[in-house]
Amino acid sequence: MLRRLFAWVFMIDEQVLARRDKVGGRRWMIAWLLGLGVLVNYFDRVNLSVSHAALNETFGISDVVFGYLSSAYNLTYAMCQLPVGLLLDRFGVRRVGRISTLLWSLASFAAAATSSIAGFFGARFLLGVGEAPTFPANAKAIGLWFPAKERSFATSIFDAAAKFASAIGVPVIGVLLVKVGWRWSFAATGLVSLLYFGIFSKVYRDPDDDARLTEAEREYIAEADGVHQEAHAGSERASLGYLIRQKKVLGLAIGFGAYNYSFYLLLTWLPSYLASALHVDLLHSFLYTGVPWLFATVCDLGAGLASDALIQRGWDASRVRKTILVAGTAFGLGILGAAHAHTPVTALFWISICLGGLSAAAPIGWSIPSMIAPRGSVGTVGGIVNFSNQVSGIAAPIVTGYVLLATGSYLWVFGIAAIYLAIGIASYILLLGRIEPVAAEA
């Protein structure tokens, strides 16, 4: 009965669900494990935005310095993306993932213990190095563990965790900060990260090395389902220089960079925007911030489910994914509404529309590297895309700090984000084109 209801709600053939039950669900455990990791490392990321006022009181930093501090993490994160992609393709998700998880745990403890703003910058630089492999590794793991027809929802599980972390992390960490201080809030996220290191080390294996994966599920994952024709690619790898020159890779990288600019703008500045521009008190700004991120979580998971459901019902896979990708990014232009908002309710409405649309597009975007890259180069393409993401993530907090210094208003802060999103939409349409593998390197 429950299976029939689920199938009706999400338009999934009951025979497909029955087949899933028979082959086993080890791959879904892996997907939720990856989602838990993203949830934990985004607690580390939002901790800084929550601590803005407290750090200003402790170290006497300005908005411009806070902008640079917010970008410090993204700087090393971006610098590591291309080498991380190569390392993932050579050493695998498990080995790289264990090292990265340990490093980001140490970074949180270092931030809690630092006695100077220079030390805090150092901790954020280390956090960027530690968390750099997360999304490329997850994209590669999903490509290994899931047939193409299930990858959108599998991807949405870990991508939605980034939004859910802000939905619950900002209020929870905010209350923790108010009660015990910012140092203990960073120590708490360090402890949670260390616990995840133990869980990941114990549980994650690639399909070929996982003793708990049944033979039926292994065959189900490997079967050619007609949605993504990657058999011709085998295990071949394409060079970094070749991949960077491909229009599809560039289109995805530019479009996703536009998404990440708005994402990091809101991730790092939303509590401050509510407090300074709309005069919401500090504690309520933490609580209100969770509303659009919770909406974004629902949109992220819903888009992944809808995409897979439509594809499994016979809709053209490329057209489905492309439509959600472009339409979701277009809804991101709702950020312009926040630029003209005069009440918290109006601002939260438009920010929810913006984040909801971008979050619907995000899991589709993260599932694409495994669909356009040669089989042995998924990590490299993921690294290229995430490098573009993080360059935008570096720019967003810094540009915001300078725009606020020059204008004292969020009008152009949000306007610049909207212009970038328009460029991203054009890149998806004109450069990415049909979602299919790039031509093999000669």
Protein backbone atom coordinates (compact mmCIF):
# COMPACT_ATOMS: atom_id res chain seq x y z
CA MET A 1 0.00 0.00 0.00
CA LEU A 2 2.77 2.45 0.95
CA ARG A 3 4.66 1.54 -2.22
CA ARG A 4 1.56 2.24 -4.32
CA LEU A 5 1.02 5.62 -2.64
CA PHE A 6 4.67 6.60 -3.11
CA ALA A 7 4.54 5.55 -6.75
CA TRP A 8 1.38 7.61 -7.35
CA VAL A 9 2.70 10.76 -5.63
CA PHE A 10 6.05 10.75 -7.44
CA MET A 11 4.85 9.24 -10.74
CA ILE A 12 7.14 6.20 -10.45
CA ASP A 13 6.21 2.88 -11.98
CA GLU A 14 5.37 0.36 -9.23
CA GLN A 15 7.42 -2.29 -11.04
CA VAL A 16 10.47 -0.02 -10.71
CA LEU A 17 9.93 0.23 -6.95
CA ALA A 18 9.43 -3.54 -6.69
CA ARG A 19 12.69 -4.09 -8.58
CA ARG A 20 14.50 -1.77 -6.17
CA ASP A 21 13.20 -3.75 -3.20
CA LYS A 22 14.49 -6.98 -4.70
CA VAL A 23 17.99 -5.79 -5.60
CA GLY A 24 18.67 -4.18 -2.22
CA GLY A 25 19.29 -0.65 -0.98
CA ARG A 26 22.99 -0.45 -0.17
CA ARG A 27 23.43 2.37 -2.68
CA TRP A 28 20.82 4.48 -0.85
CA MET A 29 22.68 4.01 2.42
CA ILE A 30 25.75 5.40 0.67
CA ALA A 31 23.74 8.36 -0.64
CA TRP A 32 22.50 9.21 2.86
CA LEU A 33 26.04 8.81 4.22
CA LEU A 34 27.28 11.39 1.71
CA GLY A 35 24.37 13.64 2.66
CA LEU A 36 25.32 13.42 6.33
CA GLY A 37 28.85 14.51 5.43
CA VAL A 38 27.62 17.59 3.59
CA LEU A 39 25.31 18.43 6.50
CA VAL A 40 28.25 18.32 8.90
CA ASN A 41 30.67 20.34 6.79
CA TYR A 42 28.05 23.02 6.15
CA PHE A 43 27.66 23.42 9.89
CA ASP A 44 31.33 24.45 9.78
CA ARG A 45 30.63 26.90 6.96
CA VAL A 46 27.56 28.64 8.41
CA ASN A 47 29.26 28.95 11.79
CA LEU A 48 31.13 31.99 10.52
CA SER A 49 28.06 33.90 9.30
CA VAL A 50 26.38 33.28 12.66
CA SER A 51 29.48 34.56 14.49
CA HIS A 52 29.77 37.85 12.54
CA ALA A 53 28.79 40.16 15.41
CA ALA A 54 30.71 38.13 18.00
CA LEU A 55 33.91 38.18 15.94
CA ASN A 56 33.52 41.91 15.43
CA GLU A 57 33.30 42.34 19.19
CA THR A 58 36.29 40.06 19.84
CA PHE A 59 38.65 41.20 17.07
CA GLY A 60 37.18 44.54 15.97
CA ILE A 61 36.75 43.61 12.28
CA SER A 62 34.92 45.69 9.67
CA ASP A 63 32.43 44.48 7.02
CA VAL A 64 35.24 44.46 4.45
CA VAL A 65 37.48 42.31 6.67
CA PHE A 66 34.55 40.01 7.37
CA GLY A 67 34.06 39.69 3.61
CA TYR A 68 37.68 38.60 3.20
CA LEU A 69 37.38 36.25 6.18
CA SER A 70 34.27 34.68 4.64
CA SER A 71 36.21 34.14 1.41
CA ALA A 72 39.36 32.72 3.04
CA TYR A 73 37.80 29.28 3.12
CA ASN A 74 36.81 29.51 -0.55
CA LEU A 75 40.31 30.59 -1.62
CA THR A 76 42.06 27.37 -0.60
CA TYR A 77 38.95 25.39 -1.52
CA ALA A 78 39.14 26.74 -5.08
CA MET A 79 42.91 26.26 -5.36
CA CYS A 80 42.48 22.60 -4.43
CA GLN A 81 39.67 21.79 -6.86
CA LEU A 82 41.66 20.84 -9.96
CA PRO A 83 44.30 18.77 -8.12
CA VAL A 84 41.55 17.18 -5.98
CA GLY A 85 39.75 16.02 -9.13
CA LEU A 86 42.92 14.34 -10.34
CA LEU A 87 43.57 12.78 -6.92
CA LEU A 88 40.03 11.40 -6.77
CA ASP A 89 40.40 9.76 -10.16
CA ARG A 90 43.70 8.23 -9.09
CA PHE A 91 43.22 7.28 -5.41
CA GLY A 92 39.44 7.00 -5.08
CA VAL A 93 36.70 8.49 -2.95
CA ARG A 94 37.38 6.59 0.28
CA ARG A 95 41.07 7.38 0.65
CA VAL A 96 40.76 11.05 -0.25
CA GLY A 97 37.53 11.41 1.76
CA ARG A 98 39.05 10.13 5.00
CA ILE A 99 41.95 12.57 4.87
CA SER A 100 39.72 15.52 4.00
CA THR A 101 37.24 14.78 6.81
CA LEU A 102 40.01 14.65 9.39
CA LEU A 103 41.43 17.98 8.16
CA TRP A 104 38.12 19.84 8.31
CA SER A 105 37.59 18.55 11.88
CA LEU A 106 40.97 19.95 12.93
CA ALA A 107 40.13 23.28 11.28
CA SER A 108 37.05 23.79 13.45
CA PHE A 109 39.01 23.09 16.62
CA ALA A 110 41.71 25.50 15.45
CA ALA A 111 39.13 28.27 14.93
CA ALA A 112 37.78 27.72 18.43
CA ALA A 113 41.26 27.98 19.98
CA THR A 114 42.72 30.91 18.02
CA SER A 115 43.69 34.10 19.86
CA SER A 116 44.03 36.38 16.82
CA ILE A 117 42.31 37.23 13.57
CA ALA A 118 45.39 35.92 11.71
CA GLY A 119 44.92 32.56 13.40
CA PHE A 120 41.27 32.61 12.43
CA PHE A 121 42.23 33.20 8.80
CA GLY A 122 44.61 30.23 9.07
CA ALA A 123 41.84 28.00 10.40
CA ARG A 124 39.54 29.01 7.53
CA PHE A 125 42.31 28.30 5.00
CA LEU A 126 42.70 24.80 6.49
CA LEU A 127 38.93 24.27 6.39
CA GLY A 128 38.97 25.05 2.66
CA VAL A 129 41.65 22.43 2.05
CA GLY A 130 39.82 19.83 4.11
CA GLU A 131 36.40 20.32 2.53
CA ALA A 132 37.65 20.78 -1.06
CA PRO A 133 37.09 17.14 -2.10
CA THR A 134 33.52 16.92 -0.75
CA PHE A 135 31.36 17.74 -3.77
CA PRO A 136 33.63 16.33 -6.51
CA ALA A 137 33.99 13.16 -4.42
CA ASN A 138 30.24 12.92 -3.91
CA ALA A 139 29.58 13.43 -7.62
CA LYS A 140 32.08 10.66 -8.40
CA ALA A 141 30.60 8.36 -5.75
CA ILE A 142 27.07 8.84 -7.09
CA GLY A 143 28.35 8.01 -10.59
CA LEU A 144 29.85 4.78 -9.24
CA TRP A 145 26.92 3.74 -7.06
CA PHE A 146 23.84 4.67 -9.13
CA PRO A 147 22.49 4.03 -12.61
CA ALA A 148 21.88 7.29 -14.48
CA LYS A 149 18.10 7.09 -14.06
CA GLU A 150 18.47 7.43 -10.27
CA ARG A 151 21.28 9.96 -10.06
CA SER A 152 19.24 13.15 -9.84
CA PHE A 153 17.51 12.17 -6.60
CA ALA A 154 20.66 10.52 -5.21
CA THR A 155 22.52 13.77 -5.88
CA SER A 156 19.73 15.84 -4.36
CA ILE A 157 20.18 13.97 -1.07
CA PHE A 158 23.65 15.35 -0.48
CA ASP A 159 22.97 18.69 -2.16
CA ALA A 160 19.80 19.26 -0.10
CA ALA A 161 21.87 18.59 3.02
CA ALA A 162 23.79 21.82 2.29
CA LYS A 163 20.53 23.77 2.46
CA PHE A 164 19.16 21.84 5.44
CA ALA A 165 22.40 22.55 7.32
CA SER A 166 21.64 26.26 7.05
CA ALA A 167 17.97 25.74 7.89
CA ILE A 168 18.79 24.07 11.20
CA GLY A 169 22.43 25.06 11.65
CA VAL A 170 21.98 28.84 11.74
CA PRO A 171 19.28 28.77 14.47
CA VAL A 172 20.94 26.00 16.51
CA ILE A 173 24.46 27.42 16.29
CA GLY A 174 23.02 30.91 16.86
CA VAL A 175 21.36 29.84 20.11
CA LEU A 176 24.55 27.98 21.12
CA LEU A 177 26.60 31.11 20.43
CA VAL A 178 24.25 33.32 22.46
CA LYS A 179 24.33 30.86 25.38
CA VAL A 180 28.00 29.79 25.56
CA GLY A 181 29.96 31.97 23.09
CA TRP A 182 31.40 31.59 19.60
CA ARG A 183 34.44 29.53 20.65
CA TRP A 184 32.27 26.70 21.99
CA SER A 185 30.09 26.79 18.88
CA PHE A 186 33.18 26.13 16.73
CA ALA A 187 34.39 23.43 19.13
CA ALA A 188 30.99 21.74 18.89
CA THR A 189 31.10 21.59 15.08
CA GLY A 190 34.64 20.21 15.31
CA LEU A 191 33.43 17.38 17.54
CA VAL A 192 30.54 16.55 15.21
CA SER A 193 32.97 16.52 12.26
CA LEU A 194 35.28 14.13 14.09
CA LEU A 195 32.37 11.77 14.72
CA TYR A 196 31.54 11.80 11.02
CA PHE A 197 35.17 10.93 10.22
CA GLY A 198 34.71 7.71 12.18
CA ILE A 199 31.41 6.87 10.50
CA PHE A 200 32.70 7.54 6.98
CA SER A 201 35.86 5.50 7.57
CA LYS A 202 33.83 2.54 8.76
CA VAL A 203 31.03 2.59 6.17
CA TYR A 204 32.15 3.95 2.78
CA ARG A 205 33.55 1.67 0.09
CA ASP A 206 33.37 1.83 -3.70
CA PRO A 207 30.94 -0.77 -5.14
CA ASP A 208 33.77 -3.09 -6.23
CA ASP A 209 35.11 -3.21 -2.65
CA ASP A 210 31.87 -3.30 -0.68
CA ALA A 211 31.21 -6.74 0.81
CA ARG A 212 27.64 -5.80 1.75
CA LEU A 213 26.61 -5.03 -1.82
CA THR A 214 24.53 -7.89 -3.22
CA GLU A 215 25.29 -9.28 -6.64
CA ALA A 216 21.77 -8.35 -7.78
CA GLU A 217 22.28 -4.72 -6.78
CA ARG A 218 25.74 -4.68 -8.35
CA GLU A 219 24.24 -5.79 -11.67
CA TYR A 220 21.40 -3.27 -11.32
CA ILE A 221 23.90 -0.42 -10.87
CA ALA A 222 26.01 -1.52 -13.83
CA GLU A 223 23.23 -2.22 -16.30
CA ALA A 224 22.84 -0.13 -19.46
CA ASP A 225 19.44 1.54 -19.06
CA GLY A 226 19.45 3.64 -22.21
CA VAL A 227 19.42 6.95 -20.33
CA HIS A 228 23.16 7.55 -20.25
CA GLN A 229 25.35 5.82 -22.79
CA GLU A 230 28.72 5.69 -21.10
CA ALA A 231 29.80 2.21 -22.09
CA HIS A 232 31.79 3.52 -25.03
CA ALA A 233 33.88 5.58 -22.65
CA GLY A 234 35.07 2.58 -20.68
CA SER A 235 37.65 3.61 -18.11
CA GLU A 236 39.47 6.06 -20.38
CA ARG A 237 40.57 9.41 -19.02
CA ALA A 238 40.68 12.73 -20.82
CA SER A 239 43.33 15.32 -20.03
CA LEU A 240 42.55 18.40 -17.98
CA GLY A 241 43.46 20.68 -20.91
CA TYR A 242 41.11 18.84 -23.25
CA LEU A 243 38.18 18.94 -20.81
CA ILE A 244 38.56 22.66 -20.10
CA ARG A 245 38.20 23.37 -23.83
CA GLN A 246 34.88 21.53 -24.15
CA LYS A 247 31.80 23.76 -24.54
CA LYS A 248 29.67 21.48 -22.38
CA VAL A 249 32.13 21.61 -19.50
CA LEU A 250 32.51 25.40 -19.81
CA GLY A 251 28.74 25.91 -19.98
CA LEU A 252 28.19 23.86 -16.84
CA ALA A 253 31.07 25.58 -15.04
CA ILE A 254 29.87 29.13 -15.82
CA GLY A 255 26.25 28.34 -14.99
CA PHE A 256 27.15 26.69 -11.72
CA GLY A 257 29.49 29.56 -10.87
CA ALA A 258 26.51 31.92 -11.16
CA TYR A 259 24.50 29.67 -8.85
CA ASN A 260 27.27 29.57 -6.26
CA TYR A 261 27.71 33.36 -6.23
CA SER A 262 24.13 33.83 -5.02
CA PHE A 263 24.37 30.78 -2.76
CA TYR A 264 27.45 32.08 -0.92
CA LEU A 265 26.14 35.63 -0.84
CA LEU A 266 23.10 34.41 1.09
CA LEU A 267 25.03 31.81 3.09
CA THR A 268 27.45 34.40 4.48
CA TRP A 269 25.41 37.62 4.60
CA LEU A 270 21.74 36.71 5.13
CA PRO A 271 21.70 37.03 8.96
CA SER A 272 23.58 40.35 8.69
CA TYR A 273 21.19 41.59 5.96
CA LEU A 274 18.16 40.87 8.14
CA ALA A 275 19.78 42.50 11.16
CA SER A 276 21.23 45.63 9.54
CA ALA A 277 18.94 46.39 6.59
CA LEU A 278 15.63 45.26 8.09
CA HIS A 279 16.45 45.88 11.77
CA VAL A 280 15.69 42.36 12.98
CA ASP A 281 17.30 41.62 16.35
CA LEU A 282 20.22 39.18 16.36
CA LEU A 283 18.45 36.11 17.78
CA HIS A 284 15.43 36.50 15.48
CA SER A 285 17.70 37.01 12.47
CA PHE A 286 19.15 33.55 13.18
CA LEU A 287 15.67 32.03 13.46
CA TYR A 288 14.28 33.79 10.36
CA THR A 289 17.30 32.72 8.30
CA GLY A 290 16.21 29.11 8.62
CA VAL A 291 12.92 29.70 6.73
CA PRO A 292 14.25 30.12 3.15
CA TRP A 293 16.85 27.40 3.67
CA LEU A 294 14.16 24.94 4.78
CA PHE A 295 12.14 25.79 1.66
CA ALA A 296 15.31 25.29 -0.40
CA THR A 297 15.78 21.82 1.12
CA VAL A 298 12.29 20.76 0.03
CA CYS A 299 12.80 22.15 -3.50
CA ASP A 300 16.17 20.38 -3.80
CA LEU A 301 14.76 16.96 -2.92
CA GLY A 302 11.57 17.54 -4.92
CA ALA A 303 13.48 18.42 -8.08
CA GLY A 304 15.65 15.32 -7.78
CA LEU A 305 12.63 13.07 -7.30
CA ALA A 306 10.64 14.70 -10.11
CA SER A 307 13.54 14.48 -12.55
CA ASP A 308 14.14 10.77 -11.97
CA ALA A 309 10.41 10.02 -11.99
CA LEU A 310 9.83 11.71 -15.37
CA ILE A 311 12.87 10.05 -16.92
CA GLN A 312 11.76 6.62 -15.68
CA ARG A 313 8.36 7.23 -17.26
CA GLY A 314 10.00 7.67 -20.67
CA TRP A 315 10.51 11.43 -20.93
CA ASP A 316 13.62 12.63 -22.75
CA ALA A 317 16.35 12.66 -20.06
CA SER A 318 18.32 15.59 -21.42
CA ARG A 319 15.24 17.76 -21.90
CA VAL A 320 13.95 17.05 -18.38
CA ARG A 321 17.25 17.87 -16.72
CA LYS A 322 17.89 20.91 -18.89
CA THR A 323 14.42 22.34 -18.21
CA ILE A 324 14.79 22.04 -14.44
CA LEU A 325 18.33 23.43 -14.60
CA VAL A 326 17.36 26.54 -16.59
CA ALA A 327 13.98 27.16 -14.96
CA GLY A 328 15.39 26.76 -11.44
CA THR A 329 18.21 29.22 -12.14
CA ALA A 330 15.65 31.64 -13.61
CA PHE A 331 13.69 31.55 -10.34
CA GLY A 332 16.94 32.58 -8.69
CA LEU A 333 16.33 36.02 -10.19
CA GLY A 334 13.81 36.43 -7.38
CA ILE A 335 16.77 37.85 -5.47
CA LEU A 336 15.87 41.16 -7.16
CA GLY A 337 12.67 41.18 -5.11
CA ALA A 338 14.71 41.13 -1.90
CA ALA A 339 16.61 44.18 -3.16
CA HIS A 340 13.41 46.22 -2.89
CA ALA A 341 11.94 44.61 0.24
CA HIS A 342 11.10 46.81 3.23
CA THR A 343 9.79 44.17 5.65
CA PRO A 344 11.26 40.86 6.85
CA VAL A 345 8.25 38.93 5.51
CA THR A 346 8.64 40.35 2.00
CA ALA A 347 12.39 39.78 2.04
CA LEU A 348 12.05 36.19 3.21
CA PHE A 349 9.42 35.52 0.54
CA TRP A 350 11.70 36.64 -2.31
CA ILE A 351 14.79 35.00 -0.84
CA SER A 352 12.82 31.75 -0.51
CA ILE A 353 11.81 31.97 -4.19
CA CYS A 354 15.45 32.60 -5.13
CA LEU A 355 16.92 29.80 -3.01
CA GLY A 356 14.11 27.41 -3.88
CA GLY A 357 14.74 27.80 -7.61
CA LEU A 358 18.52 27.58 -7.30
CA SER A 359 18.20 24.54 -5.05
CA ALA A 360 15.96 22.79 -7.58
CA ALA A 361 18.64 23.32 -10.23
CA ALA A 362 21.57 22.29 -8.03
CA PRO A 363 21.14 18.48 -7.87
CA ILE A 364 20.61 18.40 -11.62
CA GLY A 365 23.83 20.33 -12.09
CA TRP A 366 25.79 18.07 -9.76
CA SER A 367 24.55 14.94 -11.52
CA ILE A 368 25.77 16.20 -14.91
CA PRO A 369 29.58 15.68 -14.50
CA SER A 370 29.06 11.90 -14.41
CA MET A 371 26.91 12.17 -17.56
CA ILE A 372 29.14 14.33 -19.76
CA ALA A 373 32.60 13.18 -18.64
CA PRO A 374 34.51 10.13 -19.83
CA ARG A 375 34.11 7.37 -17.24
CA GLY A 376 37.61 7.83 -15.84
CA SER A 377 37.41 11.63 -15.67
CA VAL A 378 34.30 12.34 -13.61
CA GLY A 379 36.39 13.62 -10.69
CA THR A 380 38.30 15.97 -12.99
CA VAL A 381 35.13 17.45 -14.51
CA GLY A 382 33.66 17.78 -11.02
CA GLY A 383 36.83 19.60 -9.98
CA ILE A 384 36.59 22.01 -12.93
CA VAL A 385 32.97 22.82 -12.11
CA ASN A 386 33.65 23.25 -8.41
CA PHE A 387 36.67 25.45 -9.15
CA SER A 388 34.32 27.82 -10.97
CA ASN A 389 31.92 27.55 -8.05
CA GLN A 390 34.52 28.52 -5.53
CA VAL A 391 35.93 31.43 -7.51
CA SER A 392 32.38 32.79 -7.33
CA GLY A 393 32.21 31.84 -3.67
CA ILE A 394 35.37 33.86 -3.05
CA ALA A 395 34.03 36.87 -4.94
CA ALA A 396 30.55 37.03 -3.41
CA PRO A 397 31.41 37.93 0.24
CA ILE A 398 34.25 40.29 -0.77
CA VAL A 399 32.23 42.13 -3.42
CA THR A 400 29.36 42.42 -0.94
CA GLY A 401 31.62 43.99 1.69
CA TYR A 402 32.91 46.61 -0.74
CA VAL A 403 29.47 47.37 -2.21
CA LEU A 404 28.08 47.91 1.29
CA LEU A 405 31.01 50.16 2.14
CA ALA A 406 30.44 52.23 -1.01
CA THR A 407 26.63 52.39 -1.03
CA GLY A 408 25.41 51.38 2.42
CA SER A 409 22.62 49.44 0.66
CA TYR A 410 21.90 45.88 -0.48
CA LEU A 411 20.31 47.07 -3.76
CA TRP A 412 23.42 46.52 -5.89
CA VAL A 413 24.52 43.57 -3.74
CA PHE A 414 21.51 41.64 -5.01
CA GLY A 415 21.55 43.30 -8.43
CA ILE A 416 25.06 42.01 -9.22
CA ALA A 417 23.96 38.49 -8.26
CA ALA A 418 20.99 38.74 -10.64
CA ILE A 419 23.22 39.84 -13.55
CA TYR A 420 25.52 36.88 -12.96
CA LEU A 421 22.54 34.50 -12.86
CA ALA A 422 21.37 35.82 -16.25
CA ILE A 423 24.83 35.02 -17.67
CA GLY A 424 24.61 31.53 -16.15
CA ILE A 425 21.24 30.86 -17.79
CA ALA A 426 22.67 31.88 -21.18
CA SER A 427 25.63 29.53 -20.65
CA TYR A 428 23.35 26.58 -19.92
CA ILE A 429 21.34 27.24 -23.07
CA LEU A 430 24.13 28.16 -25.51
CA LEU A 431 27.16 26.18 -24.29
CA LEU A 432 25.99 23.15 -22.30
CA GLY A 433 23.49 22.10 -24.95
CA ARG A 434 22.23 18.54 -24.83
CA ILE A 435 23.31 16.57 -21.77
CA GLU A 436 25.38 13.76 -23.24
CA PRO A 437 29.04 12.62 -23.13
CA VAL A 438 31.66 14.89 -24.67
CA ALA A 439 33.54 13.53 -27.66
CA ALA A 440 36.48 11.27 -26.79
CA GLU A 441 39.91 12.87 -26.81
CA ALA A 442 41.79 12.04 -30.00
